[in-house]
Amino acid sequence: MSTAPPAPIVPRPLFGGAIVMPLPADFIDASDLRQVPDTQEVFLEPQGEISAIVEILQPVEPEDPAQAAQFHFDSLAHDNSALSSSLLSPPSQPYPTQNPPPTTLAGTQKVTKFNAAEPDDVRIYLSLWRVPRKADVVLSVNVPVRRGERGEAEVRRAEEVWRTATEGFKILDFGLFA
């Protein structure tokens, strides 16, 4: 069985170009398919189940970036009506020289999708950029965890998409948050 080579990584302008983030060139901008809130940018893998979502949110109360990242992960679990959720890796700051530096974590949520009989385990990779007193910018890369080699490959690809997007994420115009 032959597989196509991975799509090249290209910078994707977000929120009118105020932010740029690298993603695979073949990821589809969901706003071309359906309405997306003004505070979100959503991208979908065309031949798989990976999604990448960037949201601009009100800053949350915890000042500590690790606690704020945990808050956003828990909020996502609530929004997804997750039956359970857990962290696979604790919050960390792997790119301290970015402005602002992201706080990252990985976790899993048990979510029932589209009236399915059984819930899916969904891997969530999350990055949080805190714009002081202005906004929390959250990237979440999500993929259902499937059994077998194909499922493991999808999870590895989702993690790679997340790491690349996080590492190359740049806020070009802080006026977006004014």
N, C-alpha and C. Protein backbone atom coordinates (compact mmCIF):
# COMPACT_ATOMS: atom_id res chain seq x y z
N MET A 1 0.85 -1.17 0.00
CA MET A 1 0.00 0.00 0.00
C MET A 1 0.90 1.24 0.00
N SER A 2 0.74 2.09 -0.98
CA SER A 2 1.56 3.30 -1.03
C SER A 2 0.78 4.46 -0.43
N THR A 3 1.49 5.34 0.22
CA THR A 3 0.86 6.53 0.78
C THR A 3 1.50 7.75 0.15
N ALA A 4 0.70 8.77 0.00
CA ALA A 4 1.20 10.02 -0.58
C ALA A 4 2.16 10.67 0.41
N PRO A 5 3.16 11.36 -0.11
CA PRO A 5 4.06 12.06 0.81
C PRO A 5 3.29 13.14 1.56
N PRO A 6 3.76 13.48 2.76
CA PRO A 6 3.04 14.52 3.50
C PRO A 6 3.07 15.86 2.75
N ALA A 7 2.01 16.61 2.93
CA ALA A 7 1.93 17.93 2.29
C ALA A 7 3.00 18.84 2.88
N PRO A 8 3.52 19.76 2.08
CA PRO A 8 4.50 20.71 2.63
C PRO A 8 3.84 21.61 3.68
N ILE A 9 4.67 22.10 4.57
CA ILE A 9 4.20 23.02 5.61
C ILE A 9 4.28 24.44 5.05
N VAL A 10 3.20 25.19 5.20
CA VAL A 10 3.15 26.56 4.69
C VAL A 10 2.63 27.49 5.80
N PRO A 11 3.08 28.75 5.79
CA PRO A 11 2.53 29.70 6.77
C PRO A 11 1.09 30.03 6.41
N ARG A 12 0.20 29.95 7.39
CA ARG A 12 -1.20 30.28 7.17
C ARG A 12 -1.52 31.56 7.92
N PRO A 13 -1.99 32.60 7.22
CA PRO A 13 -2.39 33.83 7.92
C PRO A 13 -3.71 33.60 8.66
N LEU A 14 -3.76 34.07 9.89
CA LEU A 14 -4.96 33.94 10.71
C LEU A 14 -5.45 35.33 11.11
N PHE A 15 -6.74 35.47 11.27
CA PHE A 15 -7.34 36.71 11.73
C PHE A 15 -6.86 37.90 10.91
N GLY A 16 -7.01 37.77 9.60
CA GLY A 16 -6.65 38.85 8.68
C GLY A 16 -5.16 39.10 8.58
N GLY A 17 -4.35 38.12 8.94
CA GLY A 17 -2.90 38.25 8.85
C GLY A 17 -2.24 38.75 10.13
N ALA A 18 -3.03 38.98 11.20
CA ALA A 18 -2.45 39.44 12.46
C ALA A 18 -1.61 38.36 13.13
N ILE A 19 -1.91 37.11 12.81
CA ILE A 19 -1.17 35.96 13.33
C ILE A 19 -0.81 35.09 12.15
N VAL A 20 0.33 34.44 12.21
CA VAL A 20 0.70 33.46 11.20
C VAL A 20 1.09 32.17 11.92
N MET A 21 0.68 31.04 11.33
CA MET A 21 0.95 29.74 11.93
C MET A 21 1.19 28.72 10.82
N PRO A 22 2.26 27.94 10.90
CA PRO A 22 2.52 26.94 9.87
C PRO A 22 1.60 25.72 10.02
N LEU A 23 1.06 25.28 8.89
CA LEU A 23 0.22 24.09 8.84
C LEU A 23 0.49 23.37 7.52
N PRO A 24 0.13 22.10 7.44
CA PRO A 24 0.24 21.41 6.15
C PRO A 24 -0.60 22.14 5.10
N ALA A 25 -0.05 22.25 3.89
CA ALA A 25 -0.71 23.00 2.81
C ALA A 25 -2.07 22.42 2.44
N ASP A 26 -2.27 21.13 2.67
CA ASP A 26 -3.55 20.52 2.27
C ASP A 26 -4.65 20.67 3.31
N PHE A 27 -4.36 21.22 4.49
CA PHE A 27 -5.42 21.41 5.48
C PHE A 27 -6.42 22.41 4.93
N ILE A 28 -7.69 22.12 5.11
CA ILE A 28 -8.79 22.92 4.57
C ILE A 28 -9.24 23.94 5.61
N ASP A 29 -9.40 25.18 5.17
CA ASP A 29 -9.96 26.23 6.02
C ASP A 29 -11.46 25.95 6.16
N ALA A 30 -11.90 25.62 7.37
CA ALA A 30 -13.30 25.24 7.58
C ALA A 30 -14.26 26.37 7.23
N SER A 31 -13.80 27.62 7.24
CA SER A 31 -14.70 28.72 6.89
C SER A 31 -15.09 28.67 5.42
N ASP A 32 -14.37 27.88 4.61
CA ASP A 32 -14.78 27.67 3.22
C ASP A 32 -15.95 26.69 3.12
N LEU A 33 -16.22 25.96 4.22
CA LEU A 33 -17.26 24.92 4.23
C LEU A 33 -18.47 25.29 5.07
N ARG A 34 -18.22 26.04 6.14
CA ARG A 34 -19.31 26.37 7.06
C ARG A 34 -18.94 27.65 7.80
N GLN A 35 -19.92 28.20 8.50
CA GLN A 35 -19.68 29.41 9.26
C GLN A 35 -18.82 29.09 10.48
N VAL A 36 -17.82 29.94 10.73
CA VAL A 36 -16.92 29.81 11.87
C VAL A 36 -16.97 31.14 12.62
N PRO A 37 -17.07 31.09 13.95
CA PRO A 37 -17.11 32.35 14.71
C PRO A 37 -15.88 33.23 14.42
N ASP A 38 -16.06 34.55 14.52
CA ASP A 38 -14.98 35.50 14.25
C ASP A 38 -13.78 35.30 15.16
N THR A 39 -13.99 34.69 16.32
CA THR A 39 -12.91 34.49 17.29
C THR A 39 -12.18 33.16 17.08
N GLN A 40 -12.51 32.44 16.00
CA GLN A 40 -11.89 31.14 15.72
C GLN A 40 -11.35 31.07 14.30
N GLU A 41 -10.31 30.27 14.16
CA GLU A 41 -9.82 29.81 12.86
C GLU A 41 -9.78 28.29 12.97
N VAL A 42 -10.39 27.59 12.01
CA VAL A 42 -10.51 26.13 12.09
C VAL A 42 -9.99 25.53 10.79
N PHE A 43 -9.11 24.53 10.92
CA PHE A 43 -8.53 23.84 9.77
C PHE A 43 -8.74 22.34 9.94
N LEU A 44 -9.04 21.68 8.83
CA LEU A 44 -9.35 20.25 8.83
C LEU A 44 -8.43 19.50 7.89
N GLU A 45 -8.00 18.33 8.34
CA GLU A 45 -7.21 17.46 7.48
C GLU A 45 -8.15 16.85 6.43
N PRO A 46 -7.80 16.93 5.15
CA PRO A 46 -8.75 16.50 4.11
C PRO A 46 -8.99 14.99 4.06
N GLN A 47 -8.00 14.19 4.37
CA GLN A 47 -8.15 12.74 4.25
C GLN A 47 -8.08 12.04 5.59
N GLY A 48 -8.19 12.77 6.68
CA GLY A 48 -8.09 12.18 8.00
C GLY A 48 -9.06 12.84 8.95
N GLU A 49 -8.75 12.73 10.23
CA GLU A 49 -9.67 13.25 11.24
C GLU A 49 -9.03 14.29 12.15
N ILE A 50 -7.91 14.86 11.73
CA ILE A 50 -7.22 15.86 12.54
C ILE A 50 -7.86 17.23 12.30
N SER A 51 -8.08 17.96 13.38
CA SER A 51 -8.52 19.35 13.26
C SER A 51 -7.59 20.22 14.08
N ALA A 52 -7.39 21.44 13.61
CA ALA A 52 -6.58 22.44 14.32
C ALA A 52 -7.44 23.68 14.48
N ILE A 53 -7.62 24.12 15.72
CA ILE A 53 -8.50 25.25 16.02
C ILE A 53 -7.72 26.28 16.81
N VAL A 54 -7.75 27.53 16.36
CA VAL A 54 -7.16 28.64 17.10
C VAL A 54 -8.32 29.52 17.55
N GLU A 55 -8.34 29.82 18.85
CA GLU A 55 -9.40 30.66 19.41
C GLU A 55 -8.79 31.82 20.17
N ILE A 56 -9.40 32.99 20.02
CA ILE A 56 -9.04 34.15 20.84
C ILE A 56 -10.12 34.25 21.91
N LEU A 57 -9.68 34.13 23.17
CA LEU A 57 -10.60 34.08 24.30
C LEU A 57 -10.26 35.17 25.31
N GLN A 58 -11.22 35.47 26.16
CA GLN A 58 -10.95 36.37 27.28
C GLN A 58 -9.90 35.71 28.17
N PRO A 59 -8.98 36.49 28.75
CA PRO A 59 -8.01 35.87 29.65
C PRO A 59 -8.72 35.28 30.87
N VAL A 60 -8.27 34.12 31.30
CA VAL A 60 -8.88 33.48 32.46
C VAL A 60 -8.16 33.92 33.72
N GLU A 61 -8.79 33.66 34.85
CA GLU A 61 -8.33 34.17 36.14
C GLU A 61 -6.96 33.66 36.57
N PRO A 62 -6.65 32.39 36.46
CA PRO A 62 -5.31 32.01 36.96
C PRO A 62 -4.21 32.78 36.24
N GLU A 63 -3.34 33.42 37.01
CA GLU A 63 -2.21 34.15 36.43
C GLU A 63 -1.14 33.17 35.94
N ASP A 64 -0.99 32.06 36.67
CA ASP A 64 0.03 31.07 36.33
C ASP A 64 -0.31 30.43 34.98
N PRO A 65 0.62 30.48 34.01
CA PRO A 65 0.33 29.92 32.68
C PRO A 65 -0.05 28.44 32.70
N ALA A 66 0.58 27.65 33.58
CA ALA A 66 0.25 26.22 33.65
C ALA A 66 -1.18 26.03 34.12
N GLN A 67 -1.60 26.79 35.13
CA GLN A 67 -2.97 26.69 35.62
C GLN A 67 -3.96 27.18 34.57
N ALA A 68 -3.60 28.24 33.84
CA ALA A 68 -4.48 28.75 32.78
C ALA A 68 -4.63 27.72 31.66
N ALA A 69 -3.53 27.05 31.28
CA ALA A 69 -3.60 26.01 30.24
C ALA A 69 -4.50 24.87 30.71
N GLN A 70 -4.35 24.47 31.97
CA GLN A 70 -5.21 23.42 32.54
C GLN A 70 -6.67 23.87 32.51
N PHE A 71 -6.93 25.14 32.85
CA PHE A 71 -8.29 25.68 32.82
C PHE A 71 -8.88 25.55 31.42
N HIS A 72 -8.10 25.93 30.39
CA HIS A 72 -8.61 25.86 29.02
C HIS A 72 -8.83 24.41 28.57
N PHE A 73 -7.97 23.49 29.00
CA PHE A 73 -8.17 22.07 28.69
C PHE A 73 -9.46 21.57 29.34
N ASP A 74 -9.67 21.93 30.60
CA ASP A 74 -10.89 21.52 31.30
C ASP A 74 -12.13 22.15 30.67
N SER A 75 -12.01 23.41 30.24
CA SER A 75 -13.12 24.09 29.58
C SER A 75 -13.47 23.40 28.26
N LEU A 76 -12.44 22.99 27.52
CA LEU A 76 -12.65 22.25 26.28
C LEU A 76 -13.37 20.93 26.56
N ALA A 77 -12.97 20.24 27.61
CA ALA A 77 -13.64 18.99 27.99
C ALA A 77 -15.12 19.25 28.29
N HIS A 78 -15.39 20.34 29.01
CA HIS A 78 -16.78 20.70 29.31
C HIS A 78 -17.55 21.00 28.02
N ASP A 79 -16.95 21.83 27.13
CA ASP A 79 -17.61 22.18 25.87
C ASP A 79 -17.86 20.96 25.00
N ASN A 80 -16.97 19.96 25.09
CA ASN A 80 -17.12 18.73 24.30
C ASN A 80 -18.04 17.71 24.97
N SER A 81 -18.60 18.06 26.13
CA SER A 81 -19.39 17.12 26.92
C SER A 81 -18.63 15.82 27.14
N ALA A 82 -17.35 15.96 27.46
CA ALA A 82 -16.50 14.78 27.66
C ALA A 82 -16.97 13.99 28.87
N LEU A 83 -16.99 12.67 28.72
CA LEU A 83 -17.35 11.79 29.82
C LEU A 83 -16.22 11.73 30.84
N SER A 84 -14.98 11.91 30.35
CA SER A 84 -13.81 11.97 31.22
C SER A 84 -12.69 12.67 30.46
N SER A 85 -11.70 13.14 31.20
CA SER A 85 -10.54 13.75 30.57
C SER A 85 -9.35 13.59 31.51
N SER A 86 -8.16 13.52 30.91
CA SER A 86 -6.95 13.41 31.72
C SER A 86 -5.76 13.96 30.92
N LEU A 87 -4.77 14.45 31.67
CA LEU A 87 -3.56 14.95 31.04
C LEU A 87 -2.60 13.79 30.79
N LEU A 88 -1.95 13.82 29.62
CA LEU A 88 -0.90 12.87 29.30
C LEU A 88 0.47 13.47 29.55
N SER A 89 0.56 14.79 29.42
CA SER A 89 1.80 15.51 29.75
C SER A 89 1.41 16.80 30.45
N PRO A 90 2.13 17.14 31.50
CA PRO A 90 1.78 18.35 32.26
C PRO A 90 2.12 19.60 31.47
N PRO A 91 1.54 20.73 31.86
CA PRO A 91 1.86 21.99 31.17
C PRO A 91 3.36 22.29 31.24
N SER A 92 3.90 22.77 30.11
CA SER A 92 5.30 23.16 30.06
C SER A 92 5.44 24.34 29.09
N GLN A 93 6.62 24.97 29.11
CA GLN A 93 6.90 26.08 28.20
C GLN A 93 8.13 25.72 27.35
N PRO A 94 7.92 24.97 26.25
CA PRO A 94 9.05 24.48 25.46
C PRO A 94 9.71 25.54 24.57
N TYR A 95 9.05 26.67 24.34
CA TYR A 95 9.60 27.71 23.46
C TYR A 95 9.62 29.04 24.20
N PRO A 96 10.54 29.19 25.21
CA PRO A 96 10.51 30.38 26.07
C PRO A 96 10.89 31.67 25.36
N THR A 97 11.46 31.60 24.17
CA THR A 97 11.86 32.84 23.49
C THR A 97 10.76 33.43 22.62
N GLN A 98 9.65 32.70 22.43
CA GLN A 98 8.54 33.28 21.66
C GLN A 98 7.92 34.43 22.45
N ASN A 99 7.32 35.37 21.73
CA ASN A 99 6.66 36.49 22.37
C ASN A 99 5.18 36.51 22.00
N PRO A 100 4.30 36.15 22.93
CA PRO A 100 4.54 35.61 24.26
C PRO A 100 4.87 34.11 24.18
N PRO A 101 5.50 33.55 25.22
CA PRO A 101 5.85 32.13 25.17
C PRO A 101 4.61 31.25 25.36
N PRO A 102 4.49 30.17 24.59
CA PRO A 102 3.33 29.30 24.76
C PRO A 102 3.51 28.34 25.93
N THR A 103 2.40 27.99 26.54
CA THR A 103 2.35 26.91 27.51
C THR A 103 1.63 25.77 26.81
N THR A 104 2.23 24.58 26.86
CA THR A 104 1.67 23.44 26.11
C THR A 104 1.33 22.30 27.05
N LEU A 105 0.38 21.48 26.60
CA LEU A 105 0.04 20.25 27.31
C LEU A 105 -0.62 19.29 26.32
N ALA A 106 -0.68 18.04 26.71
CA ALA A 106 -1.38 17.03 25.91
C ALA A 106 -2.28 16.24 26.85
N GLY A 107 -3.43 15.86 26.31
CA GLY A 107 -4.37 15.10 27.12
C GLY A 107 -5.27 14.27 26.25
N THR A 108 -6.19 13.60 26.91
CA THR A 108 -7.17 12.79 26.21
C THR A 108 -8.54 13.04 26.83
N GLN A 109 -9.55 12.97 25.99
CA GLN A 109 -10.93 13.14 26.45
C GLN A 109 -11.77 12.02 25.84
N LYS A 110 -12.70 11.52 26.61
CA LYS A 110 -13.64 10.52 26.11
C LYS A 110 -14.91 11.27 25.71
N VAL A 111 -15.17 11.30 24.39
CA VAL A 111 -16.23 12.13 23.83
C VAL A 111 -17.12 11.30 22.93
N THR A 112 -18.43 11.43 23.09
CA THR A 112 -19.38 10.79 22.18
C THR A 112 -19.67 11.78 21.06
N LYS A 113 -19.38 11.37 19.83
CA LYS A 113 -19.55 12.26 18.68
C LYS A 113 -20.69 11.77 17.78
N PHE A 114 -21.44 12.71 17.26
CA PHE A 114 -22.44 12.45 16.22
C PHE A 114 -23.35 11.27 16.55
N ASN A 115 -23.86 11.24 17.79
CA ASN A 115 -24.80 10.20 18.22
C ASN A 115 -24.24 8.79 18.09
N ALA A 116 -22.93 8.64 18.19
CA ALA A 116 -22.30 7.32 18.13
C ALA A 116 -22.68 6.52 19.38
N ALA A 117 -22.71 5.21 19.24
CA ALA A 117 -23.06 4.34 20.36
C ALA A 117 -21.95 4.32 21.42
N GLU A 118 -20.72 4.34 20.97
CA GLU A 118 -19.57 4.29 21.86
C GLU A 118 -18.79 5.61 21.80
N PRO A 119 -18.30 6.07 22.94
CA PRO A 119 -17.50 7.30 22.91
C PRO A 119 -16.12 7.05 22.31
N ASP A 120 -15.56 8.12 21.72
CA ASP A 120 -14.20 8.08 21.18
C ASP A 120 -13.24 8.61 22.23
N ASP A 121 -12.03 8.05 22.23
CA ASP A 121 -10.93 8.68 22.94
C ASP A 121 -10.35 9.69 21.97
N VAL A 122 -10.32 10.95 22.36
CA VAL A 122 -9.82 12.01 21.50
C VAL A 122 -8.55 12.58 22.13
N ARG A 123 -7.47 12.55 21.37
CA ARG A 123 -6.22 13.15 21.83
C ARG A 123 -6.29 14.65 21.58
N ILE A 124 -5.96 15.42 22.58
CA ILE A 124 -5.99 16.87 22.51
C ILE A 124 -4.58 17.38 22.78
N TYR A 125 -4.05 18.12 21.82
CA TYR A 125 -2.78 18.83 22.01
C TYR A 125 -3.12 20.30 22.09
N LEU A 126 -2.70 20.97 23.17
CA LEU A 126 -3.13 22.33 23.41
C LEU A 126 -1.93 23.24 23.66
N SER A 127 -1.97 24.42 23.07
CA SER A 127 -0.98 25.47 23.32
C SER A 127 -1.73 26.75 23.69
N LEU A 128 -1.18 27.47 24.65
CA LEU A 128 -1.78 28.70 25.13
C LEU A 128 -0.76 29.82 25.09
N TRP A 129 -1.14 30.91 24.41
CA TRP A 129 -0.35 32.14 24.41
C TRP A 129 -1.15 33.18 25.18
N ARG A 130 -0.56 33.76 26.23
CA ARG A 130 -1.25 34.76 27.03
C ARG A 130 -0.79 36.15 26.62
N VAL A 131 -1.71 36.95 26.10
CA VAL A 131 -1.43 38.34 25.78
C VAL A 131 -1.85 39.12 27.02
N PRO A 132 -0.88 39.64 27.80
CA PRO A 132 -1.19 40.20 29.11
C PRO A 132 -2.36 41.17 29.10
N ARG A 133 -3.31 40.89 30.00
CA ARG A 133 -4.51 41.71 30.23
C ARG A 133 -5.38 41.91 28.99
N LYS A 134 -5.10 41.15 27.93
CA LYS A 134 -5.85 41.34 26.68
C LYS A 134 -6.60 40.08 26.24
N ALA A 135 -5.87 38.94 26.13
CA ALA A 135 -6.50 37.74 25.57
C ALA A 135 -5.68 36.51 25.89
N ASP A 136 -6.35 35.38 25.83
CA ASP A 136 -5.71 34.07 25.80
C ASP A 136 -5.94 33.52 24.40
N VAL A 137 -4.86 33.16 23.72
CA VAL A 137 -4.96 32.56 22.39
C VAL A 137 -4.67 31.08 22.56
N VAL A 138 -5.63 30.24 22.17
CA VAL A 138 -5.53 28.80 22.39
C VAL A 138 -5.54 28.07 21.05
N LEU A 139 -4.53 27.23 20.86
CA LEU A 139 -4.49 26.30 19.73
C LEU A 139 -4.79 24.93 20.28
N SER A 140 -5.77 24.25 19.69
CA SER A 140 -5.99 22.84 20.03
C SER A 140 -5.97 22.03 18.74
N VAL A 141 -5.18 20.97 18.78
CA VAL A 141 -5.13 20.01 17.68
C VAL A 141 -5.73 18.72 18.22
N ASN A 142 -6.76 18.23 17.53
CA ASN A 142 -7.55 17.11 18.03
C ASN A 142 -7.55 15.97 17.03
N VAL A 143 -7.53 14.74 17.54
CA VAL A 143 -7.65 13.57 16.68
C VAL A 143 -8.23 12.41 17.48
N PRO A 144 -9.24 11.70 16.93
CA PRO A 144 -9.72 10.50 17.60
C PRO A 144 -8.62 9.44 17.61
N VAL A 145 -8.51 8.72 18.70
CA VAL A 145 -7.52 7.66 18.82
C VAL A 145 -8.16 6.36 18.34
N ARG A 146 -7.65 5.85 17.24
CA ARG A 146 -8.15 4.59 16.67
C ARG A 146 -7.16 3.48 16.96
N ARG A 147 -7.63 2.26 16.99
CA ARG A 147 -6.75 1.12 17.21
C ARG A 147 -5.98 0.80 15.94
N GLY A 148 -4.81 0.22 16.14
CA GLY A 148 -4.04 -0.27 15.00
C GLY A 148 -3.04 0.74 14.48
N GLU A 149 -2.32 0.30 13.46
CA GLU A 149 -1.23 1.08 12.89
C GLU A 149 -1.69 2.42 12.33
N ARG A 150 -2.82 2.42 11.63
CA ARG A 150 -3.32 3.67 11.05
C ARG A 150 -3.66 4.68 12.14
N GLY A 151 -4.27 4.21 13.21
CA GLY A 151 -4.62 5.09 14.32
C GLY A 151 -3.39 5.68 14.98
N GLU A 152 -2.37 4.85 15.19
CA GLU A 152 -1.12 5.34 15.79
C GLU A 152 -0.46 6.37 14.88
N ALA A 153 -0.51 6.15 13.59
CA ALA A 153 0.08 7.10 12.64
C ALA A 153 -0.67 8.44 12.68
N GLU A 154 -1.99 8.40 12.81
CA GLU A 154 -2.78 9.63 12.89
C GLU A 154 -2.43 10.43 14.15
N VAL A 155 -2.26 9.74 15.27
CA VAL A 155 -1.91 10.42 16.52
C VAL A 155 -0.52 11.05 16.39
N ARG A 156 0.44 10.31 15.81
CA ARG A 156 1.79 10.87 15.61
C ARG A 156 1.73 12.08 14.69
N ARG A 157 0.92 12.00 13.63
CA ARG A 157 0.79 13.13 12.70
C ARG A 157 0.16 14.34 13.40
N ALA A 158 -0.86 14.11 14.22
CA ALA A 158 -1.49 15.22 14.94
C ALA A 158 -0.49 15.89 15.87
N GLU A 159 0.32 15.10 16.55
CA GLU A 159 1.32 15.68 17.44
C GLU A 159 2.35 16.49 16.64
N GLU A 160 2.73 15.98 15.48
CA GLU A 160 3.69 16.70 14.63
C GLU A 160 3.09 18.02 14.13
N VAL A 161 1.82 17.99 13.70
CA VAL A 161 1.13 19.21 13.26
C VAL A 161 1.12 20.23 14.40
N TRP A 162 0.79 19.77 15.60
CA TRP A 162 0.73 20.65 16.78
C TRP A 162 2.09 21.24 17.10
N ARG A 163 3.12 20.41 17.13
CA ARG A 163 4.46 20.91 17.47
C ARG A 163 4.94 21.94 16.43
N THR A 164 4.72 21.64 15.17
CA THR A 164 5.14 22.55 14.10
C THR A 164 4.36 23.86 14.19
N ALA A 165 3.06 23.77 14.40
CA ALA A 165 2.22 24.97 14.50
C ALA A 165 2.63 25.82 15.71
N THR A 166 2.88 25.16 16.83
CA THR A 166 3.25 25.88 18.05
C THR A 166 4.62 26.55 17.90
N GLU A 167 5.56 25.80 17.36
CA GLU A 167 6.92 26.33 17.21
C GLU A 167 6.96 27.54 16.27
N GLY A 168 6.15 27.52 15.21
CA GLY A 168 6.18 28.59 14.23
C GLY A 168 5.13 29.67 14.40
N PHE A 169 4.31 29.59 15.44
CA PHE A 169 3.23 30.54 15.70
C PHE A 169 3.81 31.92 16.00
N LYS A 170 3.30 32.93 15.29
CA LYS A 170 3.79 34.30 15.52
C LYS A 170 2.61 35.28 15.50
N ILE A 171 2.57 36.12 16.52
CA ILE A 171 1.63 37.23 16.52
C ILE A 171 2.35 38.40 15.87
N LEU A 172 1.84 38.84 14.72
CA LEU A 172 2.47 39.92 13.96
C LEU A 172 1.89 41.29 14.30
N ASP A 173 0.61 41.31 14.71
CA ASP A 173 -0.06 42.58 14.98
C ASP A 173 -0.82 42.47 16.30
N PHE A 174 -0.22 42.99 17.38
CA PHE A 174 -0.87 42.94 18.68
C PHE A 174 -2.09 43.85 18.75
N GLY A 175 -2.29 44.70 17.73
CA GLY A 175 -3.49 45.51 17.64
C GLY A 175 -4.75 44.66 17.53
N LEU A 176 -4.62 43.41 17.15
CA LEU A 176 -5.75 42.49 17.08
C LEU A 176 -6.44 42.41 18.43
N PHE A 177 -5.68 42.60 19.51
CA PHE A 177 -6.20 42.42 20.85
C PHE A 177 -6.60 43.73 21.53
N ALA A 178 -6.55 44.84 20.78
CA ALA A 178 -6.85 46.16 21.38
C ALA A 178 -8.32 46.30 21.68
